[in-house]
C-alpha atoms as a PDB file:
ATOM      1  CA  MET A   1      85.211 -18.803  14.516  1.00  0.00           C
ATOM      2  CA  LEU A   2      82.947 -15.846  13.930  1.00  0.00           C
ATOM      3  CA  TYR A   3      79.855 -14.959  15.978  1.00  0.00           C
ATOM      4  CA  GLN A   4      77.326 -12.184  15.366  1.00  0.00           C
ATOM      5  CA  GLN A   5      74.713 -10.428  17.451  1.00  0.00           C
ATOM      6  CA  GLY A   6      72.947  -7.661  15.542  1.00  0.00           C
ATOM      7  CA  ASP A   7      75.613  -5.237  14.310  1.00  0.00           C
ATOM      8  CA  VAL A   8      78.417  -6.735  16.436  1.00  0.00           C
ATOM      9  CA  LEU A   9      80.885  -9.355  15.164  1.00  0.00           C
ATOM     10  CA  ILE A  10      82.947 -11.438  17.588  1.00  0.00           C
ATOM     11  CA  GLU A  11      85.933 -13.012  15.826  1.00  0.00           C
ATOM     12  CA  SER A  12      88.259 -15.608  17.328  1.00  0.00           C
ATOM     13  CA  ILE A  13      91.916 -14.491  17.144  1.00  0.00           C
ATOM     14  CA  GLN A  14      95.281 -15.887  18.261  1.00  0.00           C
ATOM     15  CA  SER A  15      96.424 -13.076  20.581  1.00  0.00           C
ATOM     16  CA  ILE A  16      95.635  -9.607  21.890  1.00  0.00           C
ATOM     17  CA  PRO A  17      98.003  -6.807  20.785  1.00  0.00           C
ATOM     18  CA  THR A  18     100.620  -6.182  23.472  1.00  0.00           C
ATOM     19  CA  GLU A  19      99.805  -2.446  23.374  1.00  0.00           C
ATOM     20  CA  ALA A  20      96.151  -3.064  24.312  1.00  0.00           C
ATOM     21  CA  LEU A  21      95.056  -1.695  27.685  1.00  0.00           C
ATOM     22  CA  ILE A  22      92.649  -3.434  30.029  1.00  0.00           C
ATOM     23  CA  LYS A  23      89.304  -1.650  30.314  1.00  0.00           C
ATOM     24  CA  ASP A  24      87.439  -1.103  33.576  1.00  0.00           C
ATOM     25  CA  ARG A  25      83.879  -2.332  34.105  1.00  0.00           C
ATOM     26  CA  GLU A  26      80.992   0.138  34.146  1.00  0.00           C
ATOM     27  CA  ASN A  27      78.362  -0.794  36.769  1.00  0.00           C
ATOM     28  CA  ASN A  28      79.738  -4.349  36.940  1.00  0.00           C
ATOM     29  CA  LYS A  29      79.495  -4.917  33.168  1.00  0.00           C
ATOM     30  CA  TYR A  30      81.337  -4.171  29.934  1.00  0.00           C
ATOM     31  CA  ILE A  31      79.556  -2.230  27.211  1.00  0.00           C
ATOM     32  CA  ILE A  32      81.066  -3.327  23.901  1.00  0.00           C
ATOM     33  CA  ALA A  33      78.716  -1.416  21.562  1.00  0.00           C
ATOM     34  CA  LYS A  34      75.871   1.074  21.906  1.00  0.00           C
ATOM     35  CA  GLY A  35      72.969   1.095  19.481  1.00  0.00           C
ATOM     36  CA  GLU A  36      72.738   4.276  17.442  1.00  0.00           C
ATOM     37  CA  ALA A  37      69.038   3.919  16.682  1.00  0.00           C
ATOM     38  CA  THR A  38      67.638   2.774  20.033  1.00  0.00           C
ATOM     39  CA  GLY A  39      70.351   3.483  22.598  1.00  0.00           C
ATOM     40  CA  HIS A  40      70.359  -0.160  23.686  1.00  0.00           C
ATOM     41  CA  ALA A  41      73.778  -1.714  24.321  1.00  0.00           C
ATOM     42  CA  HIS A  42      75.580  -4.977  23.666  1.00  0.00           C
ATOM     43  CA  LEU A  43      77.113  -5.886  27.011  1.00  0.00           C
ATOM     44  CA  ILE A  44      78.967  -8.581  28.923  1.00  0.00           C
ATOM     45  CA  GLU A  45      78.319  -9.257  32.604  1.00  0.00           C
ATOM     46  CA  ASP A  46      80.410 -12.455  32.867  1.00  0.00           C
ATOM     47  CA  PRO A  47      83.964 -12.451  34.323  1.00  0.00           C
ATOM     48  CA  VAL A  48      86.112 -11.817  31.247  1.00  0.00           C
ATOM     49  CA  ALA A  49      88.960  -9.380  30.615  1.00  0.00           C
ATOM     50  CA  LEU A  50      88.207  -6.633  28.106  1.00  0.00           C
ATOM     51  CA  TYR A  51      91.046  -4.798  26.359  1.00  0.00           C
ATOM     52  CA  PHE A  52      91.041  -1.759  24.080  1.00  0.00           C
ATOM     53  CA  HIS A  53      93.517  -0.721  21.381  1.00  0.00           C
ATOM     54  CA  LYS A  54      93.127   1.550  18.334  1.00  0.00           C
ATOM     55  CA  GLU A  55      89.326   1.779  18.645  1.00  0.00           C
ATOM     56  CA  THR A  56      88.986  -2.014  18.860  1.00  0.00           C
ATOM     57  CA  PHE A  57      87.849  -4.167  21.783  1.00  0.00           C
ATOM     58  CA  TYR A  58      89.459  -7.515  22.588  1.00  0.00           C
ATOM     59  CA  ILE A  59      88.159 -10.184  24.981  1.00  0.00           C
ATOM     60  CA  LEU A  60      90.148 -12.736  26.942  1.00  0.00           C
ATOM     61  CA  ALA A  61      87.669 -15.281  28.302  1.00  0.00           C
ATOM     62  CA  LYS A  62      88.752 -18.232  30.410  1.00  0.00           C
ATOM     63  CA  ILE A  63      85.133 -19.437  30.559  1.00  0.00           C
ATOM     64  CA  GLU A  64      82.128 -19.387  28.222  1.00  0.00           C
ATOM     65  CA  PHE A  65      80.438 -15.967  28.344  1.00  0.00           C
ATOM     66  CA  GLN A  66      77.283 -14.291  27.046  1.00  0.00           C
ATOM     67  CA  ILE A  67      76.714 -11.089  25.149  1.00  0.00           C
ATOM     68  CA  ILE A  68      73.386  -9.527  26.112  1.00  0.00           C
ATOM     69  CA  HIS A  69      71.231  -7.011  24.212  1.00  0.00           C
ATOM     70  CA  GLU A  70      67.651  -5.950  24.882  1.00  0.00           C
ATOM     71  CA  GLU A  71      66.524  -6.644  21.302  1.00  0.00           C
ATOM     72  CA  HIS A  72      68.398  -9.922  20.660  1.00  0.00           C
ATOM     73  CA  LEU A  73      68.619 -13.323  22.277  1.00  0.00           C
ATOM     74  CA  PRO A  74      71.690 -13.753  24.520  1.00  0.00           C
ATOM     75  CA  LEU A  75      74.696 -14.995  22.550  1.00  0.00           C
ATOM     76  CA  SER A  76      76.867 -17.651  24.230  1.00  0.00           C
ATOM     77  CA  VAL A  77      80.524 -17.583  23.173  1.00  0.00           C
ATOM     78  CA  PRO A  78      83.069 -20.280  24.132  1.00  0.00           C
ATOM     79  CA  LYS A  79      86.170 -19.427  26.136  1.00  0.00           C
ATOM     80  CA  GLY A  80      88.954 -17.961  24.018  1.00  0.00           C
ATOM     81  CA  ILE A  81      90.458 -14.742  22.662  1.00  0.00           C
ATOM     82  CA  TYR A  82      88.265 -12.487  20.531  1.00  0.00           C
ATOM     83  CA  GLN A  83      88.232  -9.235  18.611  1.00  0.00           C
ATOM     84  CA  ILE A  84      85.016  -7.192  18.539  1.00  0.00           C
ATOM     85  CA  ARG A  85      84.076  -5.485  15.273  1.00  0.00           C
ATOM     86  CA  LYS A  86      81.031  -3.651  13.937  1.00  0.00           C
ATOM     87  CA  VAL A  87      79.190  -5.019  10.898  1.00  0.00           C
ATOM     88  CA  ARG A  88      79.769  -2.839   7.869  1.00  0.00           C
ATOM     89  CA  GLU A  89      77.895  -2.679   4.589  1.00  0.00           C
ATOM     90  CA  TYR A  90      79.036  -1.544   1.168  1.00  0.00           C
ATOM     91  CA  ASP A  91      76.949   1.005  -0.733  1.00  0.00           C
ATOM     92  CA  HIS A  92      77.497   0.328  -4.436  1.00  0.00           C
ATOM     93  CA  PHE A  93      75.906   3.612  -5.508  1.00  0.00           C
ATOM     94  CA  PHE A  94      78.173   5.800  -3.359  1.00  0.00           C
ATOM     95  CA  GLU A  95      81.092   3.315  -3.453  1.00  0.00           C
ATOM     96  CA  GLU A  96      81.660   3.513   0.286  1.00  0.00           C
ATOM     97  CA  THR A  97      81.331   1.371   3.377  1.00  0.00           C
ATOM     98  CA  LYS A  98      79.396   2.335   6.491  1.00  0.00           C
ATOM     99  CA  GLU A  99      78.533   0.822   9.840  1.00  0.00           C
ATOM    100  CA  ILE A 100      75.129  -0.777  10.197  1.00  0.00           C
ATOM    101  CA  ALA A 101      72.904   0.908  12.788  1.00  0.00           C
ATOM    102  CA  ASP A 102      71.389  -1.441  15.352  1.00  0.00           C
END
């Protein structure tokens, strides 16, 4: 399964890399992406475990959780294991990919 909120993709995966380290909460929430244009953040306040490895976030959720952002509706995601990625776009003129700014 694949879920999207703005420039953030949440992809269901089978397992978290064994080298991934658990990330601590900041002010009782996890910030999974900060908006470049507005400074708003995609965040999780529900009790999930967030891991980080090679510039990628992973979520282990034993319950349904929500991703919150000031400019989007809350996104409910079923329990499971997920990888967080940024949406990228391909520029055919410059023949390169770049992250989408949210």
